[in-house]
C-alpha cells in the first residue's frame, strides 16, 4: 500500500512575522500553477519578503 499523505514543514522568513510568531501554526501556500498545500511552520530564518514580480525579473 502506498501512502499518499505527507507532512510539509517550513521555516518562515522573519519578514513574514510582523504579526507575531507563526511557529506551530499551519499556513496555506499557493504557487503560480494554482496548486495549494498546507504547511506546518516549525521555524524561522533571517530574510526578507520578496515580491513575486521581482523574482520573475531575475
PDB file of N, CA and C in Angstrom:
ATOM      1  N   UNK A   1       0.838  -1.171   0.000  1.00  0.00           N
ATOM      2  CA  UNK A   1       0.000   0.000   0.000  1.00  0.00           C
ATOM      3  C   UNK A   1       0.891   1.244   0.000  1.00  0.00           C
ATOM      4  N   UNK A   2       0.575   2.148  -0.849  1.00  0.00           N
ATOM      5  CA  UNK A   2       1.350   3.384  -0.959  1.00  0.00           C
ATOM      6  C   UNK A   2       0.680   4.483  -0.136  1.00  0.00           C
ATOM      7  N   UNK A   3       1.480   5.191   0.632  1.00  0.00           N
ATOM      8  CA  UNK A   3       0.954   6.308   1.419  1.00  0.00           C
ATOM      9  C   UNK A   3       0.945   7.561   0.553  1.00  0.00           C
ATOM     10  N   UNK A   4      -0.186   8.230   0.515  1.00  0.00           N
ATOM     11  CA  UNK A   4      -0.280   9.446  -0.283  1.00  0.00           C
ATOM     12  C   UNK A   4      -0.312  10.699   0.580  1.00  0.00           C
ATOM     13  N   UNK A   5      -0.384  10.533   1.901  1.00  0.00           N
ATOM     14  CA  UNK A   5      -0.374  11.694   2.778  1.00  0.00           C
ATOM     15  C   UNK A   5       1.049  11.998   3.202  1.00  0.00           C
ATOM     16  N   UNK A   6       1.352  13.261   3.339  1.00  0.00           N
ATOM     17  CA  UNK A   6       2.672  13.674   3.784  1.00  0.00           C
ATOM     18  C   UNK A   6       2.525  14.954   4.595  1.00  0.00           C
ATOM     19  N   UNK A   7       3.551  15.275   5.331  1.00  0.00           N
ATOM     20  CA  UNK A   7       3.554  16.479   6.159  1.00  0.00           C
ATOM     21  C   UNK A   7       4.562  17.454   5.569  1.00  0.00           C
ATOM     22  N   UNK A   8       4.144  18.686   5.364  1.00  0.00           N
ATOM     23  CA  UNK A   8       5.028  19.723   4.841  1.00  0.00           C
ATOM     24  C   UNK A   8       5.451  20.606   6.012  1.00  0.00           C
ATOM     25  N   UNK A   9       6.763  20.695   6.225  1.00  0.00           N
ATOM     26  CA  UNK A   9       7.318  21.535   7.278  1.00  0.00           C
ATOM     27  C   UNK A   9       8.067  22.685   6.630  1.00  0.00           C
ATOM     28  N   UNK A  10       7.890  23.889   7.142  1.00  0.00           N
ATOM     29  CA  UNK A  10       8.562  25.051   6.568  1.00  0.00           C
ATOM     30  C   UNK A  10       9.155  25.930   7.663  1.00  0.00           C
ATOM     31  N   UNK A  11      10.177  26.679   7.286  1.00  0.00           N
ATOM     32  CA  UNK A  11      10.704  27.767   8.107  1.00  0.00           C
ATOM     33  C   UNK A  11      10.337  29.054   7.379  1.00  0.00           C
ATOM     34  N   UNK A  12       9.823  30.016   8.096  1.00  0.00           N
ATOM     35  CA  UNK A  12       9.329  31.256   7.508  1.00  0.00           C
ATOM     36  C   UNK A  12      10.359  32.369   7.675  1.00  0.00           C
ATOM     37  N   UNK A  13      10.527  33.169   6.646  1.00  0.00           N
ATOM     38  CA  UNK A  13      11.388  34.348   6.724  1.00  0.00           C
ATOM     39  C   UNK A  13      10.851  35.295   7.789  1.00  0.00           C
ATOM     40  N   UNK A  14      11.741  35.905   8.552  1.00  0.00           N
ATOM     41  CA  UNK A  14      11.308  36.835   9.596  1.00  0.00           C
ATOM     42  C   UNK A  14      10.523  38.006   9.019  1.00  0.00           C
ATOM     43  N   UNK A  15      10.633  38.263   7.728  1.00  0.00           N
ATOM     44  CA  UNK A  15       9.860  39.322   7.086  1.00  0.00           C
ATOM     45  C   UNK A  15       8.362  39.075   7.121  1.00  0.00           C
ATOM     46  N   UNK A  16       7.935  37.825   7.300  1.00  0.00           N
ATOM     47  CA  UNK A  16       6.517  37.487   7.383  1.00  0.00           C
ATOM     48  C   UNK A  16       5.987  37.574   8.811  1.00  0.00           C
ATOM     49  N   UNK A  17       6.840  37.845   9.771  1.00  0.00           N
ATOM     50  CA  UNK A  17       6.454  37.726  11.173  1.00  0.00           C
ATOM     51  C   UNK A  17       6.011  39.033  11.810  1.00  0.00           C
ATOM     52  N   UNK A  18       5.591  40.026  11.023  1.00  0.00           N
ATOM     53  CA  UNK A  18       5.186  41.291  11.617  1.00  0.00           C
ATOM     54  C   UNK A  18       3.942  41.153  12.486  1.00  0.00           C
ATOM     55  N   UNK A  19       3.201  40.073  12.365  1.00  0.00           N
ATOM     56  CA  UNK A  19       2.017  39.888  13.207  1.00  0.00           C
ATOM     57  C   UNK A  19       2.301  38.938  14.366  1.00  0.00           C
ATOM     58  N   UNK A  20       3.547  38.545  14.554  1.00  0.00           N
ATOM     59  CA  UNK A  20       3.876  37.655  15.662  1.00  0.00           C
ATOM     60  C   UNK A  20       4.471  36.353  15.177  1.00  0.00           C
ATOM     61  N   UNK A  21       4.745  35.495  16.102  1.00  0.00           N
ATOM     62  CA  UNK A  21       5.380  34.216  15.811  1.00  0.00           C
ATOM     63  C   UNK A  21       4.393  33.252  15.153  1.00  0.00           C
ATOM     64  N   UNK A  22       4.780  32.665  14.047  1.00  0.00           N
ATOM     65  CA  UNK A  22       3.928  31.697  13.350  1.00  0.00           C
ATOM     66  C   UNK A  22       4.302  30.252  13.669  1.00  0.00           C
ATOM     67  N   UNK A  23       5.346  30.038  14.454  1.00  0.00           N
ATOM     68  CA  UNK A  23       5.784  28.671  14.759  1.00  0.00           C
ATOM     69  C   UNK A  23       4.648  27.872  15.388  1.00  0.00           C
ATOM     70  N   UNK A  24       4.476  26.651  14.897  1.00  0.00           N
ATOM     71  CA  UNK A  24       3.433  25.770  15.400  1.00  0.00           C
ATOM     72  C   UNK A  24       2.093  25.963  14.715  1.00  0.00           C
ATOM     73  N   UNK A  25       1.988  26.952  13.840  1.00  0.00           N
ATOM     74  CA  UNK A  25       0.725  27.214  13.144  1.00  0.00           C
ATOM     75  C   UNK A  25       0.772  26.621  11.744  1.00  0.00           C
ATOM     76  N   UNK A  26      -0.388  26.441  11.159  1.00  0.00           N
ATOM     77  CA  UNK A  26      -0.493  25.943   9.795  1.00  0.00           C
ATOM     78  C   UNK A  26      -0.767  27.115   8.864  1.00  0.00           C
ATOM     79  N   UNK A  27      -0.108  27.107   7.709  1.00  0.00           N
ATOM     80  CA  UNK A  27      -0.323  28.147   6.708  1.00  0.00           C
ATOM     81  C   UNK A  27      -0.665  27.488   5.376  1.00  0.00           C
ATOM     82  N   UNK A  28      -1.379  28.205   4.540  1.00  0.00           N
ATOM     83  CA  UNK A  28      -1.715  27.709   3.208  1.00  0.00           C
ATOM     84  C   UNK A  28      -0.793  28.395   2.210  1.00  0.00           C
ATOM     85  N   UNK A  29      -0.138  27.601   1.377  1.00  0.00           N
ATOM     86  CA  UNK A  29       0.795  28.120   0.380  1.00  0.00           C
ATOM     87  C   UNK A  29       0.217  27.837  -0.998  1.00  0.00           C
ATOM     88  N   UNK A  30       0.149  28.877  -1.832  1.00  0.00           N
ATOM     89  CA  UNK A  30      -0.350  28.724  -3.200  1.00  0.00           C
ATOM     90  C   UNK A  30       0.756  29.151  -4.148  1.00  0.00           C
ATOM     91  N   UNK A  31       1.062  28.303  -5.131  1.00  0.00           N
ATOM     92  CA  UNK A  31       2.118  28.612  -6.092  1.00  0.00           C
ATOM     93  C   UNK A  31       1.506  29.089  -7.405  1.00  0.00           C
ATOM     94  N   UNK A  32       2.357  29.581  -8.291  1.00  0.00           N
ATOM     95  CA  UNK A  32       1.900  30.181  -9.549  1.00  0.00           C
ATOM     96  C   UNK A  32       1.016  29.245 -10.368  1.00  0.00           C
ATOM     97  N   UNK A  33       1.252  27.938 -10.279  1.00  0.00           N
ATOM     98  CA  UNK A  33       0.456  26.985 -11.057  1.00  0.00           C
ATOM     99  C   UNK A  33      -0.960  26.843 -10.516  1.00  0.00           C
ATOM    100  N   UNK A  34      -1.204  27.421  -9.322  1.00  0.00           N
ATOM    101  CA  UNK A  34      -2.526  27.327  -8.718  1.00  0.00           C
ATOM    102  C   UNK A  34      -2.648  26.227  -7.680  1.00  0.00           C
ATOM    103  N   UNK A  35      -1.644  25.364  -7.599  1.00  0.00           N
ATOM    104  CA  UNK A  35      -1.674  24.286  -6.602  1.00  0.00           C
ATOM    105  C   UNK A  35      -1.508  24.871  -5.212  1.00  0.00           C
ATOM    106  N   UNK A  36      -2.148  24.231  -4.238  1.00  0.00           N
ATOM    107  CA  UNK A  36      -2.084  24.694  -2.859  1.00  0.00           C
ATOM    108  C   UNK A  36      -1.680  23.554  -1.946  1.00  0.00           C
ATOM    109  N   UNK A  37      -1.009  23.921  -0.854  1.00  0.00           N
ATOM    110  CA  UNK A  37      -0.624  22.940   0.148  1.00  0.00           C
ATOM    111  C   UNK A  37      -0.686  23.624   1.508  1.00  0.00           C
ATOM    112  N   UNK A  38      -1.012  22.863   2.535  1.00  0.00           N
ATOM    113  CA  UNK A  38      -0.988  23.376   3.898  1.00  0.00           C
ATOM    114  C   UNK A  38       0.314  22.909   4.527  1.00  0.00           C
ATOM    115  N   UNK A  39       1.035  23.846   5.147  1.00  0.00           N
ATOM    116  CA  UNK A  39       2.329  23.528   5.750  1.00  0.00           C
ATOM    117  C   UNK A  39       2.323  23.904   7.225  1.00  0.00           C
ATOM    118  N   UNK A  40       3.093  23.158   8.002  1.00  0.00           N
ATOM    119  CA  UNK A  40       3.259  23.431   9.420  1.00  0.00           C
ATOM    120  C   UNK A  40       4.538  24.243   9.599  1.00  0.00           C
ATOM    121  N   UNK A  41       4.432  25.416  10.204  1.00  0.00           N
ATOM    122  CA  UNK A  41       5.596  26.274  10.427  1.00  0.00           C
ATOM    123  C   UNK A  41       6.355  25.748  11.645  1.00  0.00           C
ATOM    124  N   UNK A  42       7.618  25.380  11.432  1.00  0.00           N
ATOM    125  CA  UNK A  42       8.422  24.802  12.512  1.00  0.00           C
ATOM    126  C   UNK A  42       9.624  25.664  12.874  1.00  0.00           C
ATOM    127  N   UNK A  43       9.838  26.753  12.155  1.00  0.00           N
ATOM    128  CA  UNK A  43      10.988  27.593  12.463  1.00  0.00           C
ATOM    129  C   UNK A  43      10.939  28.883  11.688  1.00  0.00           C
ATOM    130  N   UNK A  44      11.938  29.698  11.949  1.00  0.00           N
ATOM    131  CA  UNK A  44      12.053  30.953  11.213  1.00  0.00           C
ATOM    132  C   UNK A  44      13.499  31.149  10.805  1.00  0.00           C
ATOM    133  N   UNK A  45      13.698  31.912   9.756  1.00  0.00           N
ATOM    134  CA  UNK A  45      15.045  32.195   9.286  1.00  0.00           C
ATOM    135  C   UNK A  45      15.139  33.681   8.963  1.00  0.00           C
ATOM    136  N   UNK A  46      16.335  34.198   8.991  1.00  0.00           N
ATOM    137  CA  UNK A  46      16.530  35.618   8.704  1.00  0.00           C
ATOM    138  C   UNK A  46      16.379  35.830   7.206  1.00  0.00           C
ATOM    139  N   UNK A  47      15.590  36.792   6.841  1.00  0.00           N
ATOM    140  CA  UNK A  47      15.376  37.083   5.430  1.00  0.00           C
ATOM    141  C   UNK A  47      14.318  38.144   5.272  1.00  0.00           C
ATOM    142  N   UNK A  48      14.049  38.475   4.038  1.00  0.00           N
ATOM    143  CA  UNK A  48      13.050  39.492   3.754  1.00  0.00           C
ATOM    144  C   UNK A  48      12.016  38.928   2.807  1.00  0.00           C
ATOM    145  N   UNK A  49      10.857  39.534   2.801  1.00  0.00           N
ATOM    146  CA  UNK A  49       9.783  39.121   1.913  1.00  0.00           C
ATOM    147  C   UNK A  49      10.059  39.702   0.541  1.00  0.00           C
ATOM    148  N   UNK A  50       9.998  38.857  -0.484  1.00  0.00           N
ATOM    149  CA  UNK A  50      10.235  39.327  -1.852  1.00  0.00           C
ATOM    150  C   UNK A  50       8.936  39.306  -2.623  1.00  0.00           C
ATOM    151  N   UNK A  51       8.775  40.272  -3.480  1.00  0.00           N
ATOM    152  CA  UNK A  51       7.602  40.377  -4.327  1.00  0.00           C
ATOM    153  C   UNK A  51       7.750  39.402  -5.488  1.00  0.00           C
ATOM    154  N   UNK A  52       6.649  38.741  -5.878  1.00  0.00           N
ATOM    155  CA  UNK A  52       6.692  37.786  -6.993  1.00  0.00           C
ATOM    156  C   UNK A  52       7.188  38.442  -8.274  1.00  0.00           C
ATOM    157  N   UNK A  53       6.826  39.697  -8.517  1.00  0.00           N
ATOM    158  CA  UNK A  53       7.253  40.384  -9.736  1.00  0.00           C
ATOM    159  C   UNK A  53       8.760  40.566  -9.758  1.00  0.00           C
ATOM    160  N   UNK A  54       9.370  40.822  -8.596  1.00  0.00           N
ATOM    161  CA  UNK A  54      10.820  40.962  -8.526  1.00  0.00           C
ATOM    162  C   UNK A  54      11.502  39.653  -8.905  1.00  0.00           C
ATOM    163  N   UNK A  55      10.947  38.526  -8.441  1.00  0.00           N
ATOM    164  CA  UNK A  55      11.541  37.224  -8.728  1.00  0.00           C
ATOM    165  C   UNK A  55      11.455  36.887 -10.203  1.00  0.00           C
ATOM    166  N   UNK A  56      10.357  37.269 -10.863  1.00  0.00           N
ATOM    167  CA  UNK A  56      10.192  36.971 -12.281  1.00  0.00           C
ATOM    168  C   UNK A  56      11.192  37.741 -13.130  1.00  0.00           C
ATOM    169  N   UNK A  57      11.613  38.919 -12.677  1.00  0.00           N
ATOM    170  CA  UNK A  57      12.550  39.744 -13.432  1.00  0.00           C
ATOM    171  C   UNK A  57      13.963  39.196 -13.392  1.00  0.00           C
ATOM    172  N   UNK A  58      14.303  38.402 -12.365  1.00  0.00           N
ATOM    173  CA  UNK A  58      15.672  37.889 -12.219  1.00  0.00           C
ATOM    174  C   UNK A  58      15.969  36.775 -13.182  1.00  0.00           C
TER     175      UNK A  58
END
